[in-house]
Amino acid sequence: MDLEPNDMKTTLHDINVKAQSILARELDPLEYIQFFRQYEMGQGDYSRDREALLGDPSIDEIIGEIQTKQANKPS
């Protein structure tokens, strides 16, 4: 299913409110708290780590890599 940005009328906030309501209804209070505790603030610097792993490729480099992988993909 292809979704265009204009097709998505529900906001992220609306989805979060609905999801929290479902979780609160389906989980006992301790499970509900435990679920949200897993999303505590992490450590490290994602941007720095991403740069170290991926570098800073241009769009053309990314497209070239995708095309190379697609051309070498077994049929």
PDB file of N, CA and C in Angstrom:
ATOM      1  N   MET A   1       0.844  -1.169   0.000  1.00  0.00           N
ATOM      2  CA  MET A   1       0.000   0.000   0.000  1.00  0.00           C
ATOM      3  C   MET A   1       0.896   1.241   0.000  1.00  0.00           C
ATOM      4  N   ASP A   2       0.688   2.116  -0.972  1.00  0.00           N
ATOM      5  CA  ASP A   2       1.450   3.352  -1.063  1.00  0.00           C
ATOM      6  C   ASP A   2       0.663   4.474  -0.396  1.00  0.00           C
ATOM      7  N   LEU A   3       1.317   5.138   0.539  1.00  0.00           N
ATOM      8  CA  LEU A   3       0.681   6.260   1.217  1.00  0.00           C
ATOM      9  C   LEU A   3       1.414   7.529   0.864  1.00  0.00           C
ATOM     10  N   GLU A   4       0.680   8.508   0.428  1.00  0.00           N
ATOM     11  CA  GLU A   4       1.237   9.831   0.196  1.00  0.00           C
ATOM     12  C   GLU A   4       1.112  10.616   1.491  1.00  0.00           C
ATOM     13  N   PRO A   5       2.025  11.568   1.752  1.00  0.00           N
ATOM     14  CA  PRO A   5       1.945  12.352   2.986  1.00  0.00           C
ATOM     15  C   PRO A   5       0.575  12.976   3.220  1.00  0.00           C
ATOM     16  N   ASN A   6      -0.119  13.382   2.165  1.00  0.00           N
ATOM     17  CA  ASN A   6      -1.435  14.003   2.323  1.00  0.00           C
ATOM     18  C   ASN A   6      -2.501  13.008   2.754  1.00  0.00           C
ATOM     19  N   ASP A   7      -2.242  11.700   2.553  1.00  0.00           N
ATOM     20  CA  ASP A   7      -3.206  10.675   2.927  1.00  0.00           C
ATOM     21  C   ASP A   7      -3.214  10.437   4.434  1.00  0.00           C
ATOM     22  N   MET A   8      -2.150  10.820   5.106  1.00  0.00           N
ATOM     23  CA  MET A   8      -2.022  10.555   6.538  1.00  0.00           C
ATOM     24  C   MET A   8      -2.567  11.749   7.315  1.00  0.00           C
ATOM     25  N   LYS A   9      -3.818  11.656   7.712  1.00  0.00           N
ATOM     26  CA  LYS A   9      -4.472  12.771   8.390  1.00  0.00           C
ATOM     27  C   LYS A   9      -4.350  12.684   9.905  1.00  0.00           C
ATOM     28  N   THR A  10      -4.053  11.507  10.427  1.00  0.00           N
ATOM     29  CA  THR A  10      -3.894  11.341  11.863  1.00  0.00           C
ATOM     30  C   THR A  10      -2.508  11.829  12.243  1.00  0.00           C
ATOM     31  N   THR A  11      -2.446  12.681  13.264  1.00  0.00           N
ATOM     32  CA  THR A  11      -1.151  13.209  13.685  1.00  0.00           C
ATOM     33  C   THR A  11      -0.430  12.193  14.567  1.00  0.00           C
ATOM     34  N   LEU A  12       0.867  12.372  14.694  1.00  0.00           N
ATOM     35  CA  LEU A  12       1.657  11.516  15.566  1.00  0.00           C
ATOM     36  C   LEU A  12       1.152  11.630  17.008  1.00  0.00           C
ATOM     37  N   HIS A  13       0.771  12.837  17.406  1.00  0.00           N
ATOM     38  CA  HIS A  13       0.226  13.023  18.752  1.00  0.00           C
ATOM     39  C   HIS A  13      -1.047  12.188  18.939  1.00  0.00           C
ATOM     40  N   ASP A  14      -1.942  12.208  17.955  1.00  0.00           N
ATOM     41  CA  ASP A  14      -3.189  11.424  18.036  1.00  0.00           C
ATOM     42  C   ASP A  14      -2.889   9.931  18.160  1.00  0.00           C
ATOM     43  N   ILE A  15      -1.920   9.469  17.396  1.00  0.00           N
ATOM     44  CA  ILE A  15      -1.548   8.049  17.453  1.00  0.00           C
ATOM     45  C   ILE A  15      -0.996   7.706  18.828  1.00  0.00           C
ATOM     46  N   ASN A  16      -0.144   8.570  19.376  1.00  0.00           N
ATOM     47  CA  ASN A  16       0.425   8.330  20.705  1.00  0.00           C
ATOM     48  C   ASN A  16      -0.646   8.297  21.785  1.00  0.00           C
ATOM     49  N   VAL A  17      -1.597   9.216  21.715  1.00  0.00           N
ATOM     50  CA  VAL A  17      -2.686   9.236  22.701  1.00  0.00           C
ATOM     51  C   VAL A  17      -3.490   7.940  22.612  1.00  0.00           C
ATOM     52  N   LYS A  18      -3.797   7.516  21.393  1.00  0.00           N
ATOM     53  CA  LYS A  18      -4.564   6.282  21.201  1.00  0.00           C
ATOM     54  C   LYS A  18      -3.773   5.071  21.707  1.00  0.00           C
ATOM     55  N   ALA A  19      -2.496   5.016  21.386  1.00  0.00           N
ATOM     56  CA  ALA A  19      -1.654   3.892  21.815  1.00  0.00           C
ATOM     57  C   ALA A  19      -1.550   3.830  23.331  1.00  0.00           C
ATOM     58  N   GLN A  20      -1.372   4.987  23.977  1.00  0.00           N
ATOM     59  CA  GLN A  20      -1.285   5.004  25.434  1.00  0.00           C
ATOM     60  C   GLN A  20      -2.594   4.554  26.066  1.00  0.00           C
ATOM     61  N   SER A  21      -3.693   4.934  25.471  1.00  0.00           N
ATOM     62  CA  SER A  21      -4.999   4.511  25.975  1.00  0.00           C
ATOM     63  C   SER A  21      -5.159   2.992  25.873  1.00  0.00           C
ATOM     64  N   ILE A  22      -4.747   2.430  24.749  1.00  0.00           N
ATOM     65  CA  ILE A  22      -4.828   0.983  24.560  1.00  0.00           C
ATOM     66  C   ILE A  22      -3.929   0.267  25.556  1.00  0.00           C
ATOM     67  N   LEU A  23      -2.706   0.760  25.713  1.00  0.00           N
ATOM     68  CA  LEU A  23      -1.788   0.139  26.666  1.00  0.00           C
ATOM     69  C   LEU A  23      -2.323   0.210  28.088  1.00  0.00           C
ATOM     70  N   ALA A  24      -2.860   1.350  28.458  1.00  0.00           N
ATOM     71  CA  ALA A  24      -3.400   1.512  29.808  1.00  0.00           C
ATOM     72  C   ALA A  24      -4.565   0.556  30.050  1.00  0.00           C
ATOM     73  N   ARG A  25      -5.347   0.320  29.018  1.00  0.00           N
ATOM     74  CA  ARG A  25      -6.493  -0.584  29.136  1.00  0.00           C
ATOM     75  C   ARG A  25      -6.053  -2.048  29.200  1.00  0.00           C
ATOM     76  N   GLU A  26      -5.034  -2.409  28.418  1.00  0.00           N
ATOM     77  CA  GLU A  26      -4.650  -3.808  28.269  1.00  0.00           C
ATOM     78  C   GLU A  26      -3.584  -4.284  29.254  1.00  0.00           C
ATOM     79  N   LEU A  27      -2.797  -3.367  29.805  1.00  0.00           N
ATOM     80  CA  LEU A  27      -1.734  -3.748  30.734  1.00  0.00           C
ATOM     81  C   LEU A  27      -2.124  -3.368  32.155  1.00  0.00           C
ATOM     82  N   ASP A  28      -1.596  -4.125  33.104  1.00  0.00           N
ATOM     83  CA  ASP A  28      -1.816  -3.683  34.483  1.00  0.00           C
ATOM     84  C   ASP A  28      -0.877  -2.491  34.732  1.00  0.00           C
ATOM     85  N   PRO A  29      -1.108  -1.708  35.789  1.00  0.00           N
ATOM     86  CA  PRO A  29      -0.333  -0.483  35.996  1.00  0.00           C
ATOM     87  C   PRO A  29       1.188  -0.696  36.012  1.00  0.00           C
ATOM     88  N   LEU A  30       1.661  -1.775  36.620  1.00  0.00           N
ATOM     89  CA  LEU A  30       3.100  -2.017  36.657  1.00  0.00           C
ATOM     90  C   LEU A  30       3.647  -2.292  35.258  1.00  0.00           C
ATOM     91  N   GLU A  31       2.942  -3.090  34.476  1.00  0.00           N
ATOM     92  CA  GLU A  31       3.378  -3.370  33.109  1.00  0.00           C
ATOM     93  C   GLU A  31       3.398  -2.082  32.272  1.00  0.00           C
ATOM     94  N   TYR A  32       2.399  -1.248  32.483  1.00  0.00           N
ATOM     95  CA  TYR A  32       2.304   0.033  31.765  1.00  0.00           C
ATOM     96  C   TYR A  32       3.533   0.886  32.057  1.00  0.00           C
ATOM     97  N   ILE A  33       3.909   0.983  33.316  1.00  0.00           N
ATOM     98  CA  ILE A  33       5.082   1.763  33.713  1.00  0.00           C
ATOM     99  C   ILE A  33       6.352   1.134  33.140  1.00  0.00           C
ATOM    100  N   GLN A  34       6.453  -0.192  33.229  1.00  0.00           N
ATOM    101  CA  GLN A  34       7.636  -0.875  32.704  1.00  0.00           C
ATOM    102  C   GLN A  34       7.790  -0.657  31.202  1.00  0.00           C
ATOM    103  N   PHE A  35       6.682  -0.655  30.499  1.00  0.00           N
ATOM    104  CA  PHE A  35       6.731  -0.428  29.061  1.00  0.00           C
ATOM    105  C   PHE A  35       7.364   0.923  28.754  1.00  0.00           C
ATOM    106  N   PHE A  36       6.921   1.965  29.431  1.00  0.00           N
ATOM    107  CA  PHE A  36       7.442   3.295  29.143  1.00  0.00           C
ATOM    108  C   PHE A  36       8.847   3.520  29.688  1.00  0.00           C
ATOM    109  N   ARG A  37       9.239   2.778  30.693  1.00  0.00           N
ATOM    110  CA  ARG A  37      10.597   2.921  31.225  1.00  0.00           C
ATOM    111  C   ARG A  37      11.649   2.462  30.220  1.00  0.00           C
ATOM    112  N   GLN A  38      11.273   1.602  29.286  1.00  0.00           N
ATOM    113  CA  GLN A  38      12.248   1.134  28.309  1.00  0.00           C
ATOM    114  C   GLN A  38      12.647   2.237  27.334  1.00  0.00           C
ATOM    115  N   TYR A  39      11.908   3.349  27.331  1.00  0.00           N
ATOM    116  CA  TYR A  39      12.204   4.450  26.428  1.00  0.00           C
ATOM    117  C   TYR A  39      12.900   5.607  27.135  1.00  0.00           C
ATOM    118  N   GLU A  40      13.583   5.310  28.229  1.00  0.00           N
ATOM    119  CA  GLU A  40      14.316   6.349  28.927  1.00  0.00           C
ATOM    120  C   GLU A  40      15.431   6.880  28.033  1.00  0.00           C
ATOM    121  N   MET A  41      15.892   8.061  28.365  1.00  0.00           N
ATOM    122  CA  MET A  41      16.958   8.695  27.607  1.00  0.00           C
ATOM    123  C   MET A  41      18.205   7.813  27.616  1.00  0.00           C
ATOM    124  N   GLY A  42      18.731   7.560  26.453  1.00  0.00           N
ATOM    125  CA  GLY A  42      19.921   6.733  26.336  1.00  0.00           C
ATOM    126  C   GLY A  42      21.190   7.547  26.526  1.00  0.00           C
ATOM    127  N   GLN A  43      22.281   6.903  26.262  1.00  0.00           N
ATOM    128  CA  GLN A  43      23.569   7.560  26.389  1.00  0.00           C
ATOM    129  C   GLN A  43      24.258   7.548  25.033  1.00  0.00           C
ATOM    130  N   GLY A  44      25.207   8.422  24.877  1.00  0.00           N
ATOM    131  CA  GLY A  44      25.957   8.468  23.640  1.00  0.00           C
ATOM    132  C   GLY A  44      25.489   9.600  22.749  1.00  0.00           C
ATOM    133  N   ASP A  45      26.119   9.687  21.615  1.00  0.00           N
ATOM    134  CA  ASP A  45      25.834  10.746  20.646  1.00  0.00           C
ATOM    135  C   ASP A  45      25.523  10.073  19.318  1.00  0.00           C
ATOM    136  N   TYR A  46      24.251   9.932  19.029  1.00  0.00           N
ATOM    137  CA  TYR A  46      23.825   9.230  17.816  1.00  0.00           C
ATOM    138  C   TYR A  46      24.414   9.874  16.564  1.00  0.00           C
ATOM    139  N   SER A  47      24.384  11.195  16.497  1.00  0.00           N
ATOM    140  CA  SER A  47      24.885  11.877  15.299  1.00  0.00           C
ATOM    141  C   SER A  47      26.369  11.608  15.091  1.00  0.00           C
ATOM    142  N   ARG A  48      27.156  11.685  16.153  1.00  0.00           N
ATOM    143  CA  ARG A  48      28.594  11.423  16.047  1.00  0.00           C
ATOM    144  C   ARG A  48      28.835   9.972  15.643  1.00  0.00           C
ATOM    145  N   ASP A  49      28.105   9.049  16.277  1.00  0.00           N
ATOM    146  CA  ASP A  49      28.282   7.626  15.986  1.00  0.00           C
ATOM    147  C   ASP A  49      27.870   7.302  14.560  1.00  0.00           C
ATOM    148  N   ARG A  50      26.779   7.894  14.104  1.00  0.00           N
ATOM    149  CA  ARG A  50      26.317   7.672  12.733  1.00  0.00           C
ATOM    150  C   ARG A  50      27.372   8.172  11.749  1.00  0.00           C
ATOM    151  N   GLU A  51      27.926   9.349  12.019  1.00  0.00           N
ATOM    152  CA  GLU A  51      28.969   9.920  11.158  1.00  0.00           C
ATOM    153  C   GLU A  51      30.183   8.992  11.097  1.00  0.00           C
ATOM    154  N   ALA A  52      30.569   8.437  12.247  1.00  0.00           N
ATOM    155  CA  ALA A  52      31.724   7.536  12.293  1.00  0.00           C
ATOM    156  C   ALA A  52      31.457   6.257  11.499  1.00  0.00           C
ATOM    157  N   LEU A  53      30.229   5.764  11.536  1.00  0.00           N
ATOM    158  CA  LEU A  53      29.896   4.518  10.834  1.00  0.00           C
ATOM    159  C   LEU A  53      29.652   4.731   9.343  1.00  0.00           C
ATOM    160  N   LEU A  54      28.938   5.801   9.010  1.00  0.00           N
ATOM    161  CA  LEU A  54      28.484   5.986   7.635  1.00  0.00           C
ATOM    162  C   LEU A  54      29.243   7.052   6.862  1.00  0.00           C
ATOM    163  N   GLY A  55      29.970   7.905   7.564  1.00  0.00           N
ATOM    164  CA  GLY A  55      30.610   9.023   6.885  1.00  0.00           C
ATOM    165  C   GLY A  55      29.559  10.058   6.524  1.00  0.00           C
ATOM    166  N   ASP A  56      29.819  10.807   5.480  1.00  0.00           N
ATOM    167  CA  ASP A  56      28.880  11.837   5.043  1.00  0.00           C
ATOM    168  C   ASP A  56      28.705  11.744   3.535  1.00  0.00           C
ATOM    169  N   PRO A  57      28.089  10.641   3.071  1.00  0.00           N
ATOM    170  CA  PRO A  57      27.970  10.434   1.631  1.00  0.00           C
ATOM    171  C   PRO A  57      27.014  11.443   0.990  1.00  0.00           C
ATOM    172  N   SER A  58      27.295  11.779  -0.270  1.00  0.00           N
ATOM    173  CA  SER A  58      26.395  12.648  -1.019  1.00  0.00           C
ATOM    174  C   SER A  58      25.198  11.823  -1.501  1.00  0.00           C
ATOM    175  N   ILE A  59      24.177  12.507  -1.949  1.00  0.00           N
ATOM    176  CA  ILE A  59      22.994  11.830  -2.501  1.00  0.00           C
ATOM    177  C   ILE A  59      23.410  10.968  -3.691  1.00  0.00           C
ATOM    178  N   ASP A  60      24.290  11.510  -4.540  1.00  0.00           N
ATOM    179  CA  ASP A  60      24.736  10.748  -5.707  1.00  0.00           C
ATOM    180  C   ASP A  60      25.460   9.470  -5.304  1.00  0.00           C
ATOM    181  N   GLU A  61      26.262   9.537  -4.237  1.00  0.00           N
ATOM    182  CA  GLU A  61      26.954   8.339  -3.751  1.00  0.00           C
ATOM    183  C   GLU A  61      25.954   7.306  -3.228  1.00  0.00           C
ATOM    184  N   ILE A  62      24.950   7.766  -2.515  1.00  0.00           N
ATOM    185  CA  ILE A  62      23.924   6.857  -1.982  1.00  0.00           C
ATOM    186  C   ILE A  62      23.168   6.192  -3.124  1.00  0.00           C
ATOM    187  N   ILE A  63      22.758   6.983  -4.104  1.00  0.00           N
ATOM    188  CA  ILE A  63      22.022   6.445  -5.260  1.00  0.00           C
ATOM    189  C   ILE A  63      22.902   5.451  -6.014  1.00  0.00           C
ATOM    190  N   GLY A  64      24.173   5.796  -6.201  1.00  0.00           N
ATOM    191  CA  GLY A  64      25.095   4.890  -6.885  1.00  0.00           C
ATOM    192  C   GLY A  64      25.238   3.568  -6.155  1.00  0.00           C
ATOM    193  N   GLU A  65      25.330   3.617  -4.833  1.00  0.00           N
ATOM    194  CA  GLU A  65      25.453   2.384  -4.052  1.00  0.00           C
ATOM    195  C   GLU A  65      24.188   1.530  -4.164  1.00  0.00           C
ATOM    196  N   ILE A  66      23.030   2.169  -4.128  1.00  0.00           N
ATOM    197  CA  ILE A  66      21.756   1.437  -4.281  1.00  0.00           C
ATOM    198  C   ILE A  66      21.706   0.774  -5.656  1.00  0.00           C
ATOM    199  N   GLN A  67      22.050   1.532  -6.686  1.00  0.00           N
ATOM    200  CA  GLN A  67      22.010   0.987  -8.048  1.00  0.00           C
ATOM    201  C   GLN A  67      22.990  -0.180  -8.211  1.00  0.00           C
ATOM    202  N   THR A  68      24.162  -0.064  -7.618  1.00  0.00           N
ATOM    203  CA  THR A  68      25.147  -1.155  -7.681  1.00  0.00           C
ATOM    204  C   THR A  68      24.608  -2.401  -7.003  1.00  0.00           C
ATOM    205  N   LYS A  69      24.015  -2.230  -5.821  1.00  0.00           N
ATOM    206  CA  LYS A  69      23.462  -3.388  -5.107  1.00  0.00           C
ATOM    207  C   LYS A  69      22.314  -4.017  -5.886  1.00  0.00           C
ATOM    208  N   GLN A  70      21.473  -3.177  -6.489  1.00  0.00           N
ATOM    209  CA  GLN A  70      20.351  -3.720  -7.268  1.00  0.00           C
ATOM    210  C   GLN A  70      20.856  -4.471  -8.499  1.00  0.00           C
ATOM    211  N   ALA A  71      21.904  -3.957  -9.129  1.00  0.00           N
ATOM    212  CA  ALA A  71      22.444  -4.608 -10.331  1.00  0.00           C
ATOM    213  C   ALA A  71      23.113  -5.928  -9.988  1.00  0.00           C
ATOM    214  N   ASN A  72      23.682  -6.032  -8.788  1.00  0.00           N
ATOM    215  CA  ASN A  72      24.378  -7.254  -8.379  1.00  0.00           C
ATOM    216  C   ASN A  72      23.470  -8.243  -7.638  1.00  0.00           C
ATOM    217  N   LYS A  73      22.218  -7.870  -7.470  1.00  0.00           N
ATOM    218  CA  LYS A  73      21.270  -8.726  -6.755  1.00  0.00           C
ATOM    219  C   LYS A  73      20.939  -9.960  -7.596  1.00  0.00           C
ATOM    220  N   PRO A  74      21.052 -11.155  -6.980  1.00  0.00           N
ATOM    221  CA  PRO A  74      20.719 -12.369  -7.742  1.00  0.00           C
ATOM    222  C   PRO A  74      19.237 -12.400  -8.106  1.00  0.00           C
ATOM    223  N   SER A  75      18.950 -12.910  -9.280  1.00  0.00           N
ATOM    224  CA  SER A  75      17.554 -12.963  -9.749  1.00  0.00           C
ATOM    225  C   SER A  75      16.799 -14.099  -9.140  1.00  0.00           C
TER     226      SER A  75
END
